[in-house]
């Protein structure tokens, strides 16, 4: 286990170096400028589109809301609780502010990748499939790049599944003194019962559990804020001082504050790593931008909503420690929670201080639901990659499911320091390959957005014809909407300029 931990730590140091942090922020800023701030100017539309109904053309397609719920289920997990707490431990209170900034700018990246996922989606058997491997193959004509992403997906999802199980097992053990192996076994069995039902089952479960877990967590956070209302102005002021100035206490770790805020921000919201477009491609929608905007909303829900609840709860209750140099976990700059290990236990301590010791069990249950829905989405991402490699090969799909379940159970054996290196490594590998792909394909995404804006300006419900933006559609995935455009007279409409 020590050798494994050493290898993961060294690999992670390379993958999540300063280069990828700069790359992600520069790319996000570029997308924001080139789309005229689509994540801001279409903000209200995100909510309307979330509940827009489309006919399900395949028995295994899912609705826009189910795709959103599944993506939220994927994004809302360890990154929103343990990830935020880890950012505070290594970067201080200001790291949360940089997570907000990352979400506001990075949302554009999430929208672009999901637009491309929709535009290049295909069908495997009776299922809609898509994602980075598909748009790399058809958009860039680069199967090698697609294969690299498929490999990264397997590595990323398997490692991340172990991270999720570890987080749940640690909270359950702290609250109920249940052996981690038992928790790991229960999560593994429950996951198996759902994923064997395919994408339709996953979407149905996620659309119930994702809103439920967010709602309960919101109530917990609001209660902590109300009970600590008098401290809110001071804590927020401290967060911004730490984020932008040489604060008297946190000035020495200012660079680390920015680094950990951005790193944990992208880890939390998943913008750029390619997982969201895999799921969003399974939704049936009349135009790629619609699903892109819906998935953009999930970035806001994830980081500006759920992460804020975690960050403010921890800071208001004072249930945190901060390392002095961003590296040494024993050299503490601030020690408000002696003996409490950083990560999800910070939030557990915050709840105990504000709600009583019984609330540790409540967070354990909430965290387990977070973990469960996140692992479900990983399952489909693995399946989608197998579809790309071997079509609807049920034998290989079942092997992939079993491998994922094995990693879920493995997560109950690993240690805290190693688990975060695993998670970062998994996300980092996927991010590098996907960001390169979407940057190269960004001119196509910009044309798709322009087409959407033109139709909206003309007072029309946007419909998509891939040929109008230079995309081939060999299997006729968009034929239904092309026919509707013809019937509506879009190709004779001078305002659209086809």
Protein backbone atom coordinates (compact mmCIF):
# COMPACT_ATOMS: atom_id res chain seq x y z
CA UNK A 1 0.00 0.00 0.00
CA UNK A 2 2.92 2.38 0.71
CA UNK A 3 4.33 1.82 -2.79
CA UNK A 4 0.90 2.49 -4.32
CA UNK A 5 0.55 5.70 -2.29
CA UNK A 6 4.01 6.87 -3.38
CA UNK A 7 3.28 6.25 -7.07
CA UNK A 8 -0.06 8.05 -6.92
CA UNK A 9 1.48 11.01 -5.10
CA UNK A 10 4.26 11.42 -7.67
CA UNK A 11 1.91 11.10 -10.65
CA UNK A 12 -0.51 13.57 -9.11
CA UNK A 13 2.28 16.10 -8.60
CA UNK A 14 2.90 16.12 -12.34
CA UNK A 15 -0.71 16.04 -13.54
CA UNK A 16 -2.02 18.72 -11.16
CA UNK A 17 0.91 21.08 -11.37
CA UNK A 18 0.57 24.82 -11.87
CA UNK A 19 0.39 24.27 -15.65
CA UNK A 20 -3.07 22.67 -15.60
CA UNK A 21 -4.42 25.30 -13.20
CA UNK A 22 -3.29 28.11 -15.52
CA UNK A 23 -4.58 26.21 -18.56
CA UNK A 24 -8.06 25.75 -17.09
CA UNK A 25 -8.44 29.39 -16.08
CA UNK A 26 -7.13 30.72 -19.40
CA UNK A 27 -9.41 28.41 -21.39
CA UNK A 28 -12.42 29.31 -19.25
CA UNK A 29 -11.74 33.02 -19.69
CA UNK A 30 -11.35 32.51 -23.46
CA UNK A 31 -14.69 30.70 -23.70
CA UNK A 32 -16.37 33.40 -21.59
CA UNK A 33 -15.15 36.16 -23.91
CA UNK A 34 -15.87 34.33 -27.17
CA UNK A 35 -19.43 33.39 -26.13
CA UNK A 36 -20.11 36.90 -24.79
CA UNK A 37 -20.55 35.49 -21.30
CA UNK A 38 -23.15 32.87 -22.19
CA UNK A 39 -23.19 31.63 -18.59
CA UNK A 40 -24.37 35.08 -17.49
CA UNK A 41 -26.57 36.32 -20.36
CA UNK A 42 -28.52 33.04 -20.56
CA UNK A 43 -28.70 32.48 -16.80
CA UNK A 44 -32.49 32.79 -16.53
CA UNK A 45 -32.95 30.50 -19.50
CA UNK A 46 -31.12 27.71 -17.71
CA UNK A 47 -34.02 27.32 -15.27
CA UNK A 48 -36.68 27.32 -17.99
CA UNK A 49 -34.87 24.71 -20.08
CA UNK A 50 -34.35 22.46 -17.07
CA UNK A 51 -38.01 21.41 -17.19
CA UNK A 52 -38.54 21.57 -20.96
CA UNK A 53 -40.09 18.37 -22.23
CA UNK A 54 -38.94 16.54 -25.35
CA UNK A 55 -40.24 13.30 -26.78
CA UNK A 56 -38.04 10.38 -25.85
CA UNK A 57 -36.97 8.92 -29.17
CA UNK A 58 -35.30 5.93 -27.57
CA UNK A 59 -36.43 3.73 -24.76
CA UNK A 60 -33.15 4.38 -23.00
CA UNK A 61 -32.90 8.15 -23.49
CA UNK A 62 -33.47 10.41 -20.50
CA UNK A 63 -35.01 13.84 -19.98
CA UNK A 64 -33.06 17.09 -19.63
CA UNK A 65 -33.94 17.15 -15.92
CA UNK A 66 -32.80 13.56 -15.42
CA UNK A 67 -29.52 14.39 -17.18
CA UNK A 68 -29.15 17.44 -14.93
CA UNK A 69 -29.98 15.43 -11.81
CA UNK A 70 -27.52 12.71 -12.76
CA UNK A 71 -24.82 15.28 -13.48
CA UNK A 72 -25.54 17.07 -10.20
CA UNK A 73 -25.37 13.65 -8.56
CA UNK A 74 -21.94 13.27 -10.12
CA UNK A 75 -20.70 16.77 -9.29
CA UNK A 76 -22.18 16.99 -5.80
CA UNK A 77 -20.13 14.62 -3.72
CA UNK A 78 -16.81 14.58 -1.94
CA UNK A 79 -15.67 17.74 -3.72
CA UNK A 80 -18.47 19.77 -2.19
CA UNK A 81 -17.89 18.71 1.40
CA UNK A 82 -14.50 17.09 1.86
CA UNK A 83 -13.05 19.06 -1.07
CA UNK A 84 -14.10 22.43 0.33
CA UNK A 85 -12.78 21.50 3.75
CA UNK A 86 -9.48 20.42 2.21
CA UNK A 87 -9.21 23.73 0.34
CA UNK A 88 -9.72 25.60 3.64
CA UNK A 89 -7.12 23.44 5.39
CA UNK A 90 -4.41 24.05 2.78
CA UNK A 91 -5.42 27.52 1.53
CA UNK A 92 -7.34 29.20 4.35
CA UNK A 93 -10.79 30.84 4.18
CA UNK A 94 -9.93 32.71 0.97
CA UNK A 95 -9.78 29.45 -0.97
CA UNK A 96 -13.59 29.35 -0.93
CA UNK A 97 -13.72 32.72 -2.74
CA UNK A 98 -11.43 31.36 -5.44
CA UNK A 99 -13.72 28.36 -5.77
CA UNK A 100 -16.57 30.81 -6.48
CA UNK A 101 -14.49 32.63 -9.10
CA UNK A 102 -13.58 29.31 -10.68
CA UNK A 103 -17.25 28.34 -10.95
CA UNK A 104 -18.33 31.67 -12.46
CA UNK A 105 -15.69 31.56 -15.17
CA UNK A 106 -15.43 27.77 -15.50
CA UNK A 107 -19.15 27.44 -16.16
CA UNK A 108 -18.43 28.48 -19.75
CA UNK A 109 -16.16 25.45 -20.13
CA UNK A 110 -18.90 23.17 -18.82
CA UNK A 111 -21.37 24.62 -21.32
CA UNK A 112 -19.00 24.30 -24.28
CA UNK A 113 -18.11 20.67 -23.60
CA UNK A 114 -21.77 19.67 -23.17
CA UNK A 115 -22.75 21.47 -26.38
CA UNK A 116 -20.11 19.45 -28.22
CA UNK A 117 -21.25 16.25 -26.51
CA UNK A 118 -24.80 16.83 -27.75
CA UNK A 119 -23.79 17.93 -31.25
CA UNK A 120 -21.68 14.84 -31.90
CA UNK A 121 -23.79 12.29 -30.02
CA UNK A 122 -24.53 8.94 -31.62
CA UNK A 123 -26.51 5.79 -30.96
CA UNK A 124 -25.16 2.45 -29.78
CA UNK A 125 -27.84 -0.20 -29.97
CA UNK A 126 -30.88 1.49 -28.45
CA UNK A 127 -28.94 4.01 -26.36
CA UNK A 128 -27.86 7.58 -27.05
CA UNK A 129 -24.14 7.94 -26.37
CA UNK A 130 -21.57 10.72 -26.63
CA UNK A 131 -18.78 12.58 -24.93
CA UNK A 132 -15.13 13.48 -25.54
CA UNK A 133 -14.28 10.23 -27.35
CA UNK A 134 -17.08 10.83 -29.84
CA UNK A 135 -16.39 14.49 -30.57
CA UNK A 136 -12.64 13.81 -30.79
CA UNK A 137 -13.27 11.08 -33.36
CA UNK A 138 -15.82 12.86 -35.55
CA UNK A 139 -14.87 16.47 -34.93
CA UNK A 140 -11.08 16.18 -35.03
CA UNK A 141 -10.88 12.87 -36.91
CA UNK A 142 -8.50 11.75 -34.16
CA UNK A 143 -9.16 8.26 -32.88
CA UNK A 144 -5.84 8.20 -30.96
CA UNK A 145 -6.94 11.23 -28.90
CA UNK A 146 -10.33 9.59 -28.36
CA UNK A 147 -8.67 6.39 -27.16
CA UNK A 148 -6.50 8.34 -24.75
CA UNK A 149 -9.62 9.90 -23.24
CA UNK A 150 -11.32 6.50 -22.99
CA UNK A 151 -8.29 5.20 -21.10
CA UNK A 152 -8.39 8.30 -18.88
CA UNK A 153 -12.10 7.71 -18.18
CA UNK A 154 -11.45 4.19 -16.96
CA UNK A 155 -8.59 5.33 -14.73
CA UNK A 156 -10.45 8.43 -13.52
CA UNK A 157 -13.79 6.82 -12.75
CA UNK A 158 -12.24 3.80 -11.04
CA UNK A 159 -10.02 5.97 -8.82
CA UNK A 160 -12.83 8.42 -8.08
CA UNK A 161 -15.20 5.60 -7.11
CA UNK A 162 -12.71 4.57 -4.42
CA UNK A 163 -12.50 8.20 -3.23
CA UNK A 164 -16.27 8.39 -2.84
CA UNK A 165 -16.51 5.18 -0.84
CA UNK A 166 -13.67 6.23 1.46
CA UNK A 167 -15.41 9.52 2.26
CA UNK A 168 -18.69 7.84 3.12
CA UNK A 169 -16.99 5.10 5.13
CA UNK A 170 -15.04 7.63 7.21
CA UNK A 171 -18.15 9.63 8.16
CA UNK A 172 -20.16 6.50 8.94
CA UNK A 173 -17.32 5.19 11.08
CA UNK A 174 -17.04 8.48 12.99
CA UNK A 175 -20.80 8.76 13.54
CA UNK A 176 -21.84 5.16 14.14
CA UNK A 177 -18.54 3.32 14.72
CA UNK A 178 -19.26 1.05 11.76
CA UNK A 179 -16.22 -0.67 10.24
CA UNK A 180 -15.35 0.90 6.85
CA UNK A 181 -15.40 -2.49 5.17
CA UNK A 182 -19.07 -2.92 6.10
CA UNK A 183 -19.96 0.50 4.68
CA UNK A 184 -17.99 -0.26 1.53
CA UNK A 185 -19.84 -3.54 1.08
CA UNK A 186 -23.27 -1.92 1.51
CA UNK A 187 -22.50 0.88 -0.99
CA UNK A 188 -21.12 -1.64 -3.47
CA UNK A 189 -24.20 -3.87 -3.31
CA UNK A 190 -26.63 -0.92 -3.53
CA UNK A 191 -24.77 0.44 -6.55
CA UNK A 192 -24.86 -2.95 -8.24
CA UNK A 193 -28.63 -3.18 -7.86
CA UNK A 194 -29.11 0.13 -9.70
CA UNK A 195 -26.47 0.08 -12.44
CA UNK A 196 -27.53 -3.31 -13.71
CA UNK A 197 -30.73 -1.57 -14.81
CA UNK A 198 -28.89 0.69 -17.28
CA UNK A 199 -29.02 4.44 -17.93
CA UNK A 200 -32.81 4.69 -17.61
CA UNK A 201 -32.68 3.27 -14.07
CA UNK A 202 -29.74 5.51 -13.16
CA UNK A 203 -31.62 8.60 -14.37
CA UNK A 204 -34.78 7.66 -12.46
CA UNK A 205 -32.90 7.15 -9.20
CA UNK A 206 -30.85 10.32 -9.62
CA UNK A 207 -33.83 12.60 -10.30
CA UNK A 208 -35.24 11.63 -6.88
CA UNK A 209 -32.09 11.49 -4.77
CA UNK A 210 -30.17 14.51 -6.16
CA UNK A 211 -32.81 17.16 -5.28
CA UNK A 212 -33.54 15.41 -1.97
CA UNK A 213 -29.95 15.40 -0.78
CA UNK A 214 -29.39 19.02 -1.86
CA UNK A 215 -32.57 20.09 -0.04
CA UNK A 216 -31.61 18.42 3.24
CA UNK A 217 -28.09 19.79 3.05
CA UNK A 218 -29.48 23.29 2.40
CA UNK A 219 -31.59 23.12 5.56
CA UNK A 220 -28.57 22.05 7.61
CA UNK A 221 -26.49 24.90 6.22
CA UNK A 222 -29.23 27.48 6.78
CA UNK A 223 -29.60 26.40 10.39
CA UNK A 224 -25.87 26.78 11.01
CA UNK A 225 -25.92 30.23 9.38
CA UNK A 226 -28.92 31.33 11.45
CA UNK A 227 -27.36 30.17 14.71
CA UNK A 228 -24.13 32.00 13.81
CA UNK A 229 -25.74 35.00 12.08
CA UNK A 230 -23.76 37.54 14.06
CA UNK A 231 -20.47 36.17 12.73
CA UNK A 232 -21.42 36.21 9.02
CA UNK A 233 -20.15 39.75 8.13
CA UNK A 234 -16.81 39.17 9.86
CA UNK A 235 -16.27 35.74 8.30
CA UNK A 236 -17.09 36.94 4.77
CA UNK A 237 -14.75 39.91 5.20
CA UNK A 238 -12.00 37.54 6.36
CA UNK A 239 -12.59 35.30 3.32
CA UNK A 240 -12.12 38.17 0.88
CA UNK A 241 -9.09 39.56 2.73
CA UNK A 242 -7.49 36.14 2.55
CA UNK A 243 -8.41 35.74 -1.13
CA UNK A 244 -7.05 39.06 -2.45
CA UNK A 245 -4.73 40.74 0.03
CA UNK A 246 -1.82 40.02 2.30
CA UNK A 247 -4.00 39.21 5.31
CA UNK A 248 -2.21 39.48 8.66
CA UNK A 249 -2.79 35.81 9.43
CA UNK A 250 -2.97 34.19 5.99
CA UNK A 251 -0.62 36.42 3.99
CA UNK A 252 2.15 33.83 4.11
CA UNK A 253 0.01 31.29 2.21
CA UNK A 254 -1.56 33.70 -0.32
CA UNK A 255 -0.26 31.76 -3.35
CA UNK A 256 -1.46 28.49 -1.85
CA UNK A 257 -4.89 30.06 -1.28
CA UNK A 258 -5.30 30.78 -4.99
CA UNK A 259 -3.87 27.42 -6.05
CA UNK A 260 -6.09 25.32 -3.78
CA UNK A 261 -9.19 27.40 -4.48
CA UNK A 262 -8.86 26.91 -8.24
CA UNK A 263 -7.82 23.28 -7.97
CA UNK A 264 -10.69 22.33 -5.66
CA UNK A 265 -13.08 24.52 -7.65
CA UNK A 266 -12.49 22.56 -10.83
CA UNK A 267 -12.46 19.27 -8.94
CA UNK A 268 -15.82 20.12 -7.42
CA UNK A 269 -17.68 21.44 -10.47
CA UNK A 270 -16.12 18.97 -12.96
CA UNK A 271 -16.03 21.64 -15.69
CA UNK A 272 -13.49 20.59 -18.28
CA UNK A 273 -12.88 16.97 -17.34
CA UNK A 274 -15.40 15.61 -19.86
CA UNK A 275 -17.64 13.65 -17.50
CA UNK A 276 -20.68 15.94 -17.83
CA UNK A 277 -20.90 15.70 -21.66
CA UNK A 278 -20.92 11.91 -21.41
CA UNK A 279 -24.08 12.09 -19.33
CA UNK A 280 -25.69 15.07 -21.07
CA UNK A 281 -25.35 13.33 -24.45
CA UNK A 282 -27.95 10.78 -23.36
CA UNK A 283 -30.66 13.46 -23.13
CA UNK A 284 -33.02 14.09 -26.03
CA UNK A 285 -33.16 17.80 -26.83
CA UNK A 286 -33.93 19.89 -29.92
CA UNK A 287 -30.69 21.91 -29.85
CA UNK A 288 -27.27 21.26 -28.24
CA UNK A 289 -27.16 24.68 -26.55
CA UNK A 290 -30.27 23.82 -24.56
CA UNK A 291 -28.58 20.92 -22.82
CA UNK A 292 -25.36 22.92 -22.53
CA UNK A 293 -27.20 25.61 -20.58
CA UNK A 294 -28.94 23.07 -18.37
CA UNK A 295 -25.59 21.50 -17.56
CA UNK A 296 -24.14 24.95 -16.92
CA UNK A 297 -26.75 25.34 -14.20
CA UNK A 298 -25.35 22.24 -12.52
CA UNK A 299 -21.99 24.04 -12.14
CA UNK A 300 -23.74 26.87 -10.29
CA UNK A 301 -25.72 24.46 -8.12
CA UNK A 302 -22.58 22.56 -7.30
CA UNK A 303 -20.09 25.29 -6.45
CA UNK A 304 -22.01 28.50 -5.78
CA UNK A 305 -24.70 26.69 -3.84
CA UNK A 306 -23.59 23.45 -2.20
CA UNK A 307 -19.91 24.38 -1.77
CA UNK A 308 -20.92 27.72 -0.25
CA UNK A 309 -23.05 25.92 2.32
CA UNK A 310 -20.08 23.78 3.29
CA UNK A 311 -17.54 26.60 3.37
CA UNK A 312 -19.68 29.02 5.37
CA UNK A 313 -20.81 26.30 7.78
CA UNK A 314 -17.23 25.31 8.58
CA UNK A 315 -15.95 28.88 8.86
CA UNK A 316 -18.89 30.19 10.90
CA UNK A 317 -18.64 27.36 13.41
CA UNK A 318 -14.86 27.62 13.57
CA UNK A 319 -14.49 23.90 12.92
CA UNK A 320 -11.28 24.04 10.89
CA UNK A 321 -7.50 24.08 10.96
CA UNK A 322 -5.13 25.65 8.41
CA UNK A 323 -1.68 24.34 7.58
CA UNK A 324 1.19 26.82 7.77
CA UNK A 325 2.89 26.00 4.48
CA UNK A 326 0.34 24.23 2.28
CA UNK A 327 2.29 20.98 2.53
CA UNK A 328 3.03 19.87 6.09
CA UNK A 329 -0.17 18.64 7.71
CA UNK A 330 1.32 18.85 11.21
CA UNK A 331 2.58 22.46 11.04
CA UNK A 332 -0.59 24.46 11.67
CA UNK A 333 -1.11 28.18 11.13
CA UNK A 334 -4.59 28.04 12.69
CA UNK A 335 -5.91 25.29 14.96
CA UNK A 336 -9.58 25.77 15.78
CA UNK A 337 -10.45 22.09 15.76
CA UNK A 338 -7.69 20.17 17.59
CA UNK A 339 -7.45 16.53 16.62
CA UNK A 340 -9.99 16.80 13.78
CA UNK A 341 -8.56 15.55 10.48
CA UNK A 342 -9.17 17.80 7.48
CA UNK A 343 -11.78 16.78 4.92
CA UNK A 344 -15.35 15.72 5.56
CA UNK A 345 -14.72 15.60 9.33
CA UNK A 346 -14.47 19.42 9.37
CA UNK A 347 -18.10 19.63 8.25
CA UNK A 348 -19.08 16.88 10.65
CA UNK A 349 -17.49 18.87 13.50
CA UNK A 350 -19.28 22.04 12.33
CA UNK A 351 -22.63 20.28 12.50
CA UNK A 352 -21.89 18.82 15.92
CA UNK A 353 -21.02 22.26 17.29
CA UNK A 354 -24.16 23.89 15.88
CA UNK A 355 -26.77 21.12 16.00
CA UNK A 356 -25.43 18.75 18.63
CA UNK A 357 -23.49 15.49 18.54
CA UNK A 358 -26.42 13.62 16.99
CA UNK A 359 -25.97 15.57 13.74
CA UNK A 360 -22.75 13.72 12.96
CA UNK A 361 -24.96 10.80 11.99
CA UNK A 362 -27.11 13.04 9.80
CA UNK A 363 -24.08 14.16 7.78
CA UNK A 364 -22.99 10.55 7.46
CA UNK A 365 -26.34 9.70 5.86
CA UNK A 366 -26.28 12.78 3.60
CA UNK A 367 -22.71 12.03 2.56
CA UNK A 368 -23.59 8.45 1.74
CA UNK A 369 -26.40 9.61 -0.57
CA UNK A 370 -23.99 12.04 -2.23
CA UNK A 371 -21.53 9.22 -2.72
CA UNK A 372 -24.14 6.80 -4.02
CA UNK A 373 -25.44 9.10 -6.78
CA UNK A 374 -21.90 10.08 -7.75
CA UNK A 375 -20.83 6.46 -8.22
CA UNK A 376 -23.95 5.85 -10.32
CA UNK A 377 -22.85 8.52 -12.77
CA UNK A 378 -19.33 7.06 -12.89
CA UNK A 379 -20.89 3.78 -13.88
CA UNK A 380 -22.53 5.25 -16.93
CA UNK A 381 -19.37 7.10 -17.92
CA UNK A 382 -17.50 3.79 -17.89
CA UNK A 383 -20.28 2.16 -19.92
CA UNK A 384 -20.23 4.96 -22.47
CA UNK A 385 -16.51 4.41 -22.98
CA UNK A 386 -17.10 0.70 -23.52
CA UNK A 387 -19.83 1.55 -26.04
CA UNK A 388 -17.26 3.61 -27.93
CA UNK A 389 -14.75 0.76 -27.97
CA UNK A 390 -16.98 -2.23 -28.58
CA UNK A 391 -20.53 -1.07 -29.25
CA UNK A 392 -23.33 -2.67 -27.25
CA UNK A 393 -21.17 -5.57 -26.04
CA UNK A 394 -22.99 -6.69 -22.90
CA UNK A 395 -20.13 -8.92 -21.75
CA UNK A 396 -17.62 -6.06 -21.71
CA UNK A 397 -20.18 -3.69 -20.16
CA UNK A 398 -20.72 -6.14 -17.31
CA UNK A 399 -16.95 -6.52 -16.86
CA UNK A 400 -16.69 -2.72 -16.63
CA UNK A 401 -19.48 -2.63 -14.04
CA UNK A 402 -17.80 -5.32 -11.95
CA UNK A 403 -14.45 -3.49 -12.10
CA UNK A 404 -16.11 -0.28 -10.91
CA UNK A 405 -17.84 -2.12 -8.08
CA UNK A 406 -14.51 -3.65 -7.06
CA UNK A 407 -12.96 -0.17 -6.84
CA UNK A 408 -15.93 0.99 -4.74
CA UNK A 409 -15.16 -1.72 -2.24
CA UNK A 410 -11.41 -1.03 -2.45
CA UNK A 411 -12.10 2.53 -1.27
CA UNK A 412 -12.93 1.22 2.20
CA UNK A 413 -9.31 0.07 2.67
CA UNK A 414 -7.32 3.20 1.71
CA UNK A 415 -6.05 6.09 3.83
CA UNK A 416 -6.93 9.80 3.81
CA UNK A 417 -3.80 11.28 2.22
CA UNK A 418 -3.74 8.72 -0.57
CA UNK A 419 -7.43 9.06 -1.35
CA UNK A 420 -7.19 12.71 -2.39
CA UNK A 421 -4.14 12.06 -4.55
CA UNK A 422 -6.17 9.33 -6.27
CA UNK A 423 -9.09 11.64 -6.88
CA UNK A 424 -6.92 14.44 -8.21
CA UNK A 425 -5.03 12.05 -10.47
CA UNK A 426 -8.25 10.64 -11.93
CA UNK A 427 -9.73 14.07 -12.66
CA UNK A 428 -6.41 15.47 -13.90
CA UNK A 429 -5.84 12.78 -16.53
CA UNK A 430 -9.34 13.26 -17.96
CA UNK A 431 -9.03 17.04 -17.87
CA UNK A 432 -5.81 17.26 -19.89
CA UNK A 433 -7.14 15.21 -22.80
CA UNK A 434 -10.60 16.78 -22.82
CA UNK A 435 -9.50 20.42 -22.58
CA UNK A 436 -7.15 19.99 -25.54
CA UNK A 437 -10.04 18.53 -27.54
CA UNK A 438 -12.64 21.19 -26.73
CA UNK A 439 -10.21 24.03 -27.41
CA UNK A 440 -9.52 22.62 -30.88
CA UNK A 441 -13.26 22.19 -31.49
CA UNK A 442 -14.30 25.51 -29.95
CA UNK A 443 -14.95 27.22 -33.36
CA UNK A 444 -17.64 24.59 -33.97
CA UNK A 445 -19.18 25.23 -30.55
CA UNK A 446 -19.19 28.98 -31.21
CA UNK A 447 -21.06 28.41 -34.51
CA UNK A 448 -23.64 26.27 -32.70
CA UNK A 449 -24.18 29.02 -30.10
CA UNK A 450 -24.50 31.62 -32.87
CA UNK A 451 -27.15 29.46 -34.57
CA UNK A 452 -29.05 29.19 -31.28
CA UNK A 453 -28.88 32.95 -30.67
CA UNK A 454 -30.16 33.69 -34.19
CA UNK A 455 -33.17 31.41 -33.75
CA UNK A 456 -33.97 32.90 -30.35
CA UNK A 457 -33.68 36.43 -31.77
CA UNK A 458 -36.11 35.45 -34.54
CA UNK A 459 -38.61 34.32 -31.91
CA UNK A 460 -38.22 30.63 -32.74
CA UNK A 461 -37.78 27.58 -30.55
CA UNK A 462 -34.24 26.57 -31.59
CA UNK A 463 -33.95 23.39 -33.65
CA UNK A 464 -30.63 21.88 -34.71
CA UNK A 465 -29.39 20.79 -38.11
CA UNK A 466 -25.75 19.64 -37.73
CA UNK A 467 -24.98 20.30 -41.41
CA UNK A 468 -25.54 24.04 -40.94
CA UNK A 469 -22.48 24.18 -38.67
CA UNK A 470 -20.36 21.69 -40.62
CA UNK A 471 -21.04 18.52 -38.61
CA UNK A 472 -21.79 15.17 -40.24
CA UNK A 473 -24.61 13.03 -38.86
CA UNK A 474 -24.16 9.60 -40.46
CA UNK A 475 -26.74 7.85 -38.29
CA UNK A 476 -29.41 10.55 -38.55
CA UNK A 477 -29.55 11.36 -34.84
CA UNK A 478 -30.89 14.85 -35.60
CA UNK A 479 -33.17 13.93 -38.55
CA UNK A 480 -36.33 14.51 -36.50
CA UNK A 481 -35.40 18.14 -35.87
CA UNK A 482 -34.08 18.72 -39.40
CA UNK A 483 -37.51 17.67 -40.68
CA UNK A 484 -39.17 20.12 -38.28
CA UNK A 485 -36.89 22.92 -39.48
CA UNK A 486 -37.83 22.19 -43.08
CA UNK A 487 -41.53 22.15 -42.22
CA UNK A 488 -41.17 25.45 -40.37
CA UNK A 489 -39.43 27.12 -43.30
CA UNK A 490 -36.14 27.80 -41.51
CA UNK A 491 -34.02 27.37 -44.64
CA UNK A 492 -35.96 30.14 -46.40
CA UNK A 493 -35.80 32.46 -43.39
CA UNK A 494 -33.32 35.25 -44.20
CA UNK A 495 -32.87 36.09 -40.52
CA UNK A 496 -31.25 32.68 -39.95
CA UNK A 497 -28.92 33.02 -42.95
CA UNK A 498 -28.65 29.36 -43.94
